[in-house]
Amino acid sequence: MEKEKQGPIELSHDELDTVAGGFNFQYFAATFFEQTDSLVMQNTQSGPGGSSTSSLMATRSIRAFSFIGLFFGGGRRGRRRR
């Protein structure tokens, strides 16, 4: 069997859309960060030779959230017209 040489092939509009379209994707990202710091101090002193009180309290609260999405779709967003 002999192989035939083929010349250029003309594609229809639908075939051109399919070949040219490939695929598309959309990217979405969101982040959230919140930090709260609290500091409480107390100092009590008294007279000659007696009493003293000291206190220190510190707190930190952190909340974080992150989301990333990658969405793939077909390549036919709009049709090309000639």
PDB file of N, CA and C in Angstrom:
ATOM      1  N   MET A   1       0.842  -1.166   0.000  1.00  0.00           N
ATOM      2  CA  MET A   1       0.000   0.000   0.000  1.00  0.00           C
ATOM      3  C   MET A   1       0.895   1.239   0.000  1.00  0.00           C
ATOM      4  N   GLU A   2       0.590   2.162  -0.865  1.00  0.00           N
ATOM      5  CA  GLU A   2       1.388   3.368  -1.026  1.00  0.00           C
ATOM      6  C   GLU A   2       0.794   4.506  -0.208  1.00  0.00           C
ATOM      7  N   LYS A   3       1.660   5.271   0.449  1.00  0.00           N
ATOM      8  CA  LYS A   3       1.171   6.415   1.230  1.00  0.00           C
ATOM      9  C   LYS A   3       0.889   7.573   0.286  1.00  0.00           C
ATOM     10  N   GLU A   4      -0.250   8.193   0.495  1.00  0.00           N
ATOM     11  CA  GLU A   4      -0.611   9.351  -0.327  1.00  0.00           C
ATOM     12  C   GLU A   4      -0.113  10.622   0.340  1.00  0.00           C
ATOM     13  N   LYS A   5       0.345  11.562  -0.469  1.00  0.00           N
ATOM     14  CA  LYS A   5       0.713  12.872   0.050  1.00  0.00           C
ATOM     15  C   LYS A   5      -0.556  13.703   0.136  1.00  0.00           C
ATOM     16  N   GLN A   6      -0.763  14.292   1.296  1.00  0.00           N
ATOM     17  CA  GLN A   6      -1.946  15.139   1.455  1.00  0.00           C
ATOM     18  C   GLN A   6      -1.528  16.599   1.480  1.00  0.00           C
ATOM     19  N   GLY A   7      -2.290  17.410   0.813  1.00  0.00           N
ATOM     20  CA  GLY A   7      -2.052  18.846   0.812  1.00  0.00           C
ATOM     21  C   GLY A   7      -2.765  19.483   1.993  1.00  0.00           C
ATOM     22  N   PRO A   8      -2.836  20.790   1.981  1.00  0.00           N
ATOM     23  CA  PRO A   8      -3.512  21.507   3.062  1.00  0.00           C
ATOM     24  C   PRO A   8      -4.981  21.095   3.146  1.00  0.00           C
ATOM     25  N   ILE A   9      -5.490  21.064   4.350  1.00  0.00           N
ATOM     26  CA  ILE A   9      -6.895  20.720   4.581  1.00  0.00           C
ATOM     27  C   ILE A   9      -7.605  21.975   5.055  1.00  0.00           C
ATOM     28  N   GLU A  10      -8.719  22.305   4.446  1.00  0.00           N
ATOM     29  CA  GLU A  10      -9.492  23.466   4.866  1.00  0.00           C
ATOM     30  C   GLU A  10     -10.474  23.038   5.952  1.00  0.00           C
ATOM     31  N   LEU A  11     -10.483  23.793   7.049  1.00  0.00           N
ATOM     32  CA  LEU A  11     -11.346  23.472   8.181  1.00  0.00           C
ATOM     33  C   LEU A  11     -12.604  24.322   8.166  1.00  0.00           C
ATOM     34  N   SER A  12     -13.685  23.761   8.660  1.00  0.00           N
ATOM     35  CA  SER A  12     -14.933  24.516   8.775  1.00  0.00           C
ATOM     36  C   SER A  12     -14.814  25.499   9.944  1.00  0.00           C
ATOM     37  N   HIS A  13     -15.791  26.397  10.064  1.00  0.00           N
ATOM     38  CA  HIS A  13     -15.769  27.375  11.164  1.00  0.00           C
ATOM     39  C   HIS A  13     -15.813  26.674  12.522  1.00  0.00           C
ATOM     40  N   ASP A  14     -16.614  25.637  12.667  1.00  0.00           N
ATOM     41  CA  ASP A  14     -16.682  24.895  13.933  1.00  0.00           C
ATOM     42  C   ASP A  14     -15.349  24.226  14.254  1.00  0.00           C
ATOM     43  N   GLU A  15     -14.703  23.652  13.253  1.00  0.00           N
ATOM     44  CA  GLU A  15     -13.406  23.014  13.467  1.00  0.00           C
ATOM     45  C   GLU A  15     -12.337  24.049  13.845  1.00  0.00           C
ATOM     46  N   LEU A  16     -12.387  25.226  13.194  1.00  0.00           N
ATOM     47  CA  LEU A  16     -11.446  26.293  13.534  1.00  0.00           C
ATOM     48  C   LEU A  16     -11.649  26.765  14.967  1.00  0.00           C
ATOM     49  N   ASP A  17     -12.905  26.892  15.411  1.00  0.00           N
ATOM     50  CA  ASP A  17     -13.185  27.285  16.791  1.00  0.00           C
ATOM     51  C   ASP A  17     -12.613  26.279  17.772  1.00  0.00           C
ATOM     52  N   THR A  18     -12.762  25.012  17.458  1.00  0.00           N
ATOM     53  CA  THR A  18     -12.255  23.965  18.343  1.00  0.00           C
ATOM     54  C   THR A  18     -10.737  24.004  18.417  1.00  0.00           C
ATOM     55  N   VAL A  19     -10.071  24.137  17.290  1.00  0.00           N
ATOM     56  CA  VAL A  19      -8.607  24.147  17.254  1.00  0.00           C
ATOM     57  C   VAL A  19      -8.054  25.417  17.897  1.00  0.00           C
ATOM     58  N   ALA A  20      -8.631  26.558  17.596  1.00  0.00           N
ATOM     59  CA  ALA A  20      -8.113  27.831  18.091  1.00  0.00           C
ATOM     60  C   ALA A  20      -8.462  28.049  19.562  1.00  0.00           C
ATOM     61  N   GLY A  21      -9.565  27.464  20.018  1.00  0.00           N
ATOM     62  CA  GLY A  21     -10.037  27.719  21.378  1.00  0.00           C
ATOM     63  C   GLY A  21      -9.192  27.103  22.455  1.00  0.00           C
ATOM     64  N   GLY A  22      -8.728  25.893  22.287  1.00  0.00           N
ATOM     65  CA  GLY A  22      -7.964  25.224  23.346  1.00  0.00           C
ATOM     66  C   GLY A  22      -8.788  25.118  24.604  1.00  0.00           C
ATOM     67  N   PHE A  23      -8.316  25.708  25.679  1.00  0.00           N
ATOM     68  CA  PHE A  23      -9.081  25.743  26.916  1.00  0.00           C
ATOM     69  C   PHE A  23      -8.843  27.079  27.584  1.00  0.00           C
ATOM     70  N   ASN A  24      -9.694  27.421  28.514  1.00  0.00           N
ATOM     71  CA  ASN A  24      -9.488  28.633  29.298  1.00  0.00           C
ATOM     72  C   ASN A  24      -9.573  28.270  30.768  1.00  0.00           C
ATOM     73  N   PHE A  25      -9.055  29.132  31.613  1.00  0.00           N
ATOM     74  CA  PHE A  25      -9.167  28.896  33.038  1.00  0.00           C
ATOM     75  C   PHE A  25      -9.358  30.220  33.761  1.00  0.00           C
ATOM     76  N   GLN A  26      -9.944  30.120  34.927  1.00  0.00           N
ATOM     77  CA  GLN A  26     -10.140  31.283  35.772  1.00  0.00           C
ATOM     78  C   GLN A  26      -9.466  31.001  37.102  1.00  0.00           C
ATOM     79  N   TYR A  27      -8.864  32.041  37.681  1.00  0.00           N
ATOM     80  CA  TYR A  27      -8.125  31.908  38.924  1.00  0.00           C
ATOM     81  C   TYR A  27      -8.776  32.815  39.952  1.00  0.00           C
ATOM     82  N   PHE A  28      -8.991  32.297  41.139  1.00  0.00           N
ATOM     83  CA  PHE A  28      -9.615  33.077  42.192  1.00  0.00           C
ATOM     84  C   PHE A  28      -8.852  32.843  43.492  1.00  0.00           C
ATOM     85  N   ALA A  29      -8.527  33.904  44.197  1.00  0.00           N
ATOM     86  CA  ALA A  29      -7.835  33.764  45.479  1.00  0.00           C
ATOM     87  C   ALA A  29      -8.403  34.779  46.466  1.00  0.00           C
ATOM     88  N   ALA A  30      -8.550  34.349  47.713  1.00  0.00           N
ATOM     89  CA  ALA A  30      -9.033  35.237  48.769  1.00  0.00           C
ATOM     90  C   ALA A  30      -8.283  34.906  50.057  1.00  0.00           C
ATOM     91  N   THR A  31      -7.950  35.942  50.814  1.00  0.00           N
ATOM     92  CA  THR A  31      -7.298  35.742  52.101  1.00  0.00           C
ATOM     93  C   THR A  31      -7.931  36.647  53.141  1.00  0.00           C
ATOM     94  N   PHE A  32      -7.876  36.205  54.381  1.00  0.00           N
ATOM     95  CA  PHE A  32      -8.397  36.977  55.493  1.00  0.00           C
ATOM     96  C   PHE A  32      -7.428  36.809  56.657  1.00  0.00           C
ATOM     97  N   PHE A  33      -7.089  37.897  57.327  1.00  0.00           N
ATOM     98  CA  PHE A  33      -6.200  37.844  58.483  1.00  0.00           C
ATOM     99  C   PHE A  33      -6.691  38.839  59.517  1.00  0.00           C
ATOM    100  N   GLU A  34      -6.762  38.392  60.759  1.00  0.00           N
ATOM    101  CA  GLU A  34      -7.168  39.277  61.847  1.00  0.00           C
ATOM    102  C   GLU A  34      -6.332  38.941  63.080  1.00  0.00           C
ATOM    103  N   GLN A  35      -5.781  39.970  63.712  1.00  0.00           N
ATOM    104  CA  GLN A  35      -4.986  39.774  64.929  1.00  0.00           C
ATOM    105  C   GLN A  35      -5.466  40.756  65.984  1.00  0.00           C
ATOM    106  N   THR A  36      -5.660  40.245  67.189  1.00  0.00           N
ATOM    107  CA  THR A  36      -6.075  41.077  68.314  1.00  0.00           C
ATOM    108  C   THR A  36      -5.097  40.866  69.463  1.00  0.00           C
ATOM    109  N   ASP A  37      -4.540  41.961  69.979  1.00  0.00           N
ATOM    110  CA  ASP A  37      -3.621  41.903  71.114  1.00  0.00           C
ATOM    111  C   ASP A  37      -4.257  42.627  72.302  1.00  0.00           C
ATOM    112  N   SER A  38      -4.129  42.021  73.470  1.00  0.00           N
ATOM    113  CA  SER A  38      -4.627  42.648  74.701  1.00  0.00           C
ATOM    114  C   SER A  38      -3.516  42.626  75.742  1.00  0.00           C
ATOM    115  N   LEU A  39      -3.406  43.712  76.504  1.00  0.00           N
ATOM    116  CA  LEU A  39      -2.379  43.827  77.527  1.00  0.00           C
ATOM    117  C   LEU A  39      -3.006  44.447  78.773  1.00  0.00           C
ATOM    118  N   VAL A  40      -2.869  43.759  79.912  1.00  0.00           N
ATOM    119  CA  VAL A  40      -3.393  44.257  81.183  1.00  0.00           C
ATOM    120  C   VAL A  40      -2.229  44.285  82.177  1.00  0.00           C
ATOM    121  N   MET A  41      -2.012  45.438  82.818  1.00  0.00           N
ATOM    122  CA  MET A  41      -0.957  45.565  83.824  1.00  0.00           C
ATOM    123  C   MET A  41      -1.554  46.136  85.108  1.00  0.00           C
ATOM    124  N   GLN A  42      -0.983  45.726  86.225  1.00  0.00           N
ATOM    125  CA  GLN A  42      -1.426  46.239  87.518  1.00  0.00           C
ATOM    126  C   GLN A  42      -0.201  46.358  88.412  1.00  0.00           C
ATOM    127  N   ASN A  43      -0.113  47.411  89.177  1.00  0.00           N
ATOM    128  CA  ASN A  43       0.990  47.595  90.116  1.00  0.00           C
ATOM    129  C   ASN A  43       0.428  48.279  91.361  1.00  0.00           C
ATOM    130  N   THR A  44       0.600  47.662  92.491  1.00  0.00           N
ATOM    131  CA  THR A  44       0.146  48.234  93.762  1.00  0.00           C
ATOM    132  C   THR A  44       1.325  48.259  94.722  1.00  0.00           C
ATOM    133  N   GLN A  45       1.583  49.376  95.327  1.00  0.00           N
ATOM    134  CA  GLN A  45       2.652  49.495  96.323  1.00  0.00           C
ATOM    135  C   GLN A  45       2.076  50.139  97.577  1.00  0.00           C
ATOM    136  N   SER A  46       2.762  49.939  98.646  1.00  0.00           N
ATOM    137  CA  SER A  46       2.289  50.520  99.905  1.00  0.00           C
ATOM    138  C   SER A  46       3.452  51.162 100.653  1.00  0.00           C
ATOM    139  N   GLY A  47       3.217  51.534 101.892  1.00  0.00           N
ATOM    140  CA  GLY A  47       4.132  52.343 102.692  1.00  0.00           C
ATOM    141  C   GLY A  47       5.374  51.638 103.208  1.00  0.00           C
ATOM    142  N   PRO A  48       5.988  52.248 104.227  1.00  0.00           N
ATOM    143  CA  PRO A  48       7.309  51.885 104.732  1.00  0.00           C
ATOM    144  C   PRO A  48       7.425  50.402 105.089  1.00  0.00           C
ATOM    145  N   GLY A  49       8.239  49.757 104.311  1.00  0.00           N
ATOM    146  CA  GLY A  49       8.620  48.386 104.568  1.00  0.00           C
ATOM    147  C   GLY A  49       7.612  47.312 104.198  1.00  0.00           C
ATOM    148  N   GLY A  50       6.477  47.645 103.583  1.00  0.00           N
ATOM    149  CA  GLY A  50       5.535  46.570 103.327  1.00  0.00           C
ATOM    150  C   GLY A  50       4.722  46.731 102.048  1.00  0.00           C
ATOM    151  N   SER A  51       4.213  45.622 101.591  1.00  0.00           N
ATOM    152  CA  SER A  51       3.267  45.454 100.483  1.00  0.00           C
ATOM    153  C   SER A  51       3.785  45.878  99.108  1.00  0.00           C
ATOM    154  N   SER A  52       3.527  45.024  98.167  1.00  0.00           N
ATOM    155  CA  SER A  52       3.809  45.286  96.757  1.00  0.00           C
ATOM    156  C   SER A  52       3.081  44.236  95.928  1.00  0.00           C
ATOM    157  N   THR A  53       2.468  44.606  94.892  1.00  0.00           N
ATOM    158  CA  THR A  53       1.776  43.681  93.997  1.00  0.00           C
ATOM    159  C   THR A  53       2.058  44.092  92.560  1.00  0.00           C
ATOM    160  N   SER A  54       2.366  43.129  91.719  1.00  0.00           N
ATOM    161  CA  SER A  54       2.562  43.394  90.291  1.00  0.00           C
ATOM    162  C   SER A  54       1.871  42.303  89.491  1.00  0.00           C
ATOM    163  N   SER A  55       1.239  42.648  88.452  1.00  0.00           N
ATOM    164  CA  SER A  55       0.590  41.675  87.562  1.00  0.00           C
ATOM    165  C   SER A  55       0.780  42.120  86.116  1.00  0.00           C
ATOM    166  N   LEU A  56       0.886  41.158  85.246  1.00  0.00           N
ATOM    167  CA  LEU A  56       0.984  41.443  83.812  1.00  0.00           C
ATOM    168  C   LEU A  56       0.300  40.306  83.068  1.00  0.00           C
ATOM    169  N   MET A  57      -0.595  40.629  82.196  1.00  0.00           N
ATOM    170  CA  MET A  57      -1.275  39.610  81.397  1.00  0.00           C
ATOM    171  C   MET A  57      -1.334  40.095  79.945  1.00  0.00           C
ATOM    172  N   ALA A  58      -0.880  39.252  79.046  1.00  0.00           N
ATOM    173  CA  ALA A  58      -0.905  39.587  77.620  1.00  0.00           C
ATOM    174  C   ALA A  58      -1.528  38.426  76.844  1.00  0.00           C
ATOM    175  N   THR A  59      -2.399  38.748  75.911  1.00  0.00           N
ATOM    176  CA  THR A  59      -3.019  37.721  75.061  1.00  0.00           C
ATOM    177  C   THR A  59      -2.933  38.152  73.605  1.00  0.00           C
ATOM    178  N   ARG A  60      -2.879  37.182  72.744  1.00  0.00           N
ATOM    179  CA  ARG A  60      -2.888  37.442  71.306  1.00  0.00           C
ATOM    180  C   ARG A  60      -3.806  36.417  70.651  1.00  0.00           C
ATOM    181  N   SER A  61      -4.706  36.898  69.827  1.00  0.00           N
ATOM    182  CA  SER A  61      -5.632  36.033  69.103  1.00  0.00           C
ATOM    183  C   SER A  61      -5.432  36.265  67.607  1.00  0.00           C
ATOM    184  N   ILE A  62      -5.207  35.183  66.867  1.00  0.00           N
ATOM    185  CA  ILE A  62      -4.980  35.290  65.420  1.00  0.00           C
ATOM    186  C   ILE A  62      -5.963  34.390  64.696  1.00  0.00           C
ATOM    187  N   ARG A  63      -6.620  34.963  63.690  1.00  0.00           N
ATOM    188  CA  ARG A  63      -7.492  34.180  62.813  1.00  0.00           C
ATOM    189  C   ARG A  63      -7.049  34.410  61.377  1.00  0.00           C
ATOM    190  N   ALA A  64      -6.902  33.330  60.630  1.00  0.00           N
ATOM    191  CA  ALA A  64      -6.463  33.440  59.230  1.00  0.00           C
ATOM    192  C   ALA A  64      -7.243  32.447  58.380  1.00  0.00           C
ATOM    193  N   PHE A  65      -7.511  32.859  57.145  1.00  0.00           N
ATOM    194  CA  PHE A  65      -8.255  32.023  56.214  1.00  0.00           C
ATOM    195  C   PHE A  65      -7.726  32.304  54.815  1.00  0.00           C
ATOM    196  N   SER A  66      -7.586  31.255  54.029  1.00  0.00           N
ATOM    197  CA  SER A  66      -7.116  31.423  52.658  1.00  0.00           C
ATOM    198  C   SER A  66      -7.845  30.443  51.747  1.00  0.00           C
ATOM    199  N   PHE A  67      -8.168  30.904  50.545  1.00  0.00           N
ATOM    200  CA  PHE A  67      -8.854  30.061  49.572  1.00  0.00           C
ATOM    201  C   PHE A  67      -8.289  30.351  48.190  1.00  0.00           C
ATOM    202  N   ILE A  68      -7.988  29.291  47.448  1.00  0.00           N
ATOM    203  CA  ILE A  68      -7.524  29.443  46.068  1.00  0.00           C
ATOM    204  C   ILE A  68      -8.310  28.482  45.198  1.00  0.00           C
ATOM    205  N   GLY A  69      -8.834  28.992  44.101  1.00  0.00           N
ATOM    206  CA  GLY A  69      -9.574  28.147  43.166  1.00  0.00           C
ATOM    207  C   GLY A  69      -9.053  28.329  41.758  1.00  0.00           C
ATOM    208  N   LEU A  70      -8.948  27.240  41.051  1.00  0.00           N
ATOM    209  CA  LEU A  70      -8.522  27.258  39.654  1.00  0.00           C
ATOM    210  C   LEU A  70      -9.573  26.474  38.879  1.00  0.00           C
ATOM    211  N   PHE A  71     -10.269  27.157  37.995  1.00  0.00           N
ATOM    212  CA  PHE A  71     -11.378  26.549  37.274  1.00  0.00           C
ATOM    213  C   PHE A  71     -11.029  26.435  35.793  1.00  0.00           C
ATOM    214  N   PHE A  72     -11.141  25.239  35.257  1.00  0.00           N
ATOM    215  CA  PHE A  72     -10.861  24.998  33.846  1.00  0.00           C
ATOM    216  C   PHE A  72     -12.168  24.869  33.079  1.00  0.00           C
ATOM    217  N   GLY A  73     -12.159  25.320  31.832  1.00  0.00           N
ATOM    218  CA  GLY A  73     -13.348  25.208  31.007  1.00  0.00           C
ATOM    219  C   GLY A  73     -12.981  24.984  29.564  1.00  0.00           C
ATOM    220  N   GLY A  74     -13.992  24.763  28.766  1.00  0.00           N
ATOM    221  CA  GLY A  74     -13.792  24.582  27.335  1.00  0.00           C
ATOM    222  C   GLY A  74     -13.359  25.868  26.671  1.00  0.00           C
ATOM    223  N   GLY A  75     -12.855  25.750  25.479  1.00  0.00           N
ATOM    224  CA  GLY A  75     -12.294  26.913  24.806  1.00  0.00           C
ATOM    225  C   GLY A  75     -13.269  27.730  23.993  1.00  0.00           C
ATOM    226  N   ARG A  76     -14.540  27.401  23.994  1.00  0.00           N
ATOM    227  CA  ARG A  76     -15.487  28.109  23.136  1.00  0.00           C
ATOM    228  C   ARG A  76     -16.210  29.186  23.916  1.00  0.00           C
ATOM    229  N   ARG A  77     -15.577  30.330  24.077  1.00  0.00           N
ATOM    230  CA  ARG A  77     -16.239  31.450  24.742  1.00  0.00           C
ATOM    231  C   ARG A  77     -17.181  32.163  23.792  1.00  0.00           C
ATOM    232  N   GLY A  78     -16.664  32.487  22.648  1.00  0.00           N
ATOM    233  CA  GLY A  78     -17.464  33.172  21.637  1.00  0.00           C
ATOM    234  C   GLY A  78     -17.083  32.624  20.274  1.00  0.00           C
ATOM    235  N   ARG A  79     -17.976  32.691  19.361  1.00  0.00           N
ATOM    236  CA  ARG A  79     -17.696  32.149  18.034  1.00  0.00           C
ATOM    237  C   ARG A  79     -17.090  33.224  17.160  1.00  0.00           C
ATOM    238  N   ARG A  80     -16.102  32.849  16.409  1.00  0.00           N
ATOM    239  CA  ARG A  80     -15.486  33.772  15.467  1.00  0.00           C
ATOM    240  C   ARG A  80     -16.293  33.772  14.183  1.00  0.00           C
ATOM    241  N   ARG A  81     -16.475  34.910  13.630  1.00  0.00           N
ATOM    242  CA  ARG A  81     -17.185  35.039  12.361  1.00  0.00           C
ATOM    243  C   ARG A  81     -16.268  35.654  11.333  1.00  0.00           C
ATOM    244  N   ARG A  82     -16.449  35.244  10.109  1.00  0.00           N
ATOM    245  CA  ARG A  82     -15.662  35.831   9.009  1.00  0.00           C
ATOM    246  C   ARG A  82     -16.490  36.829   8.256  1.00  0.00           C
TER     247      ARG A  82
END
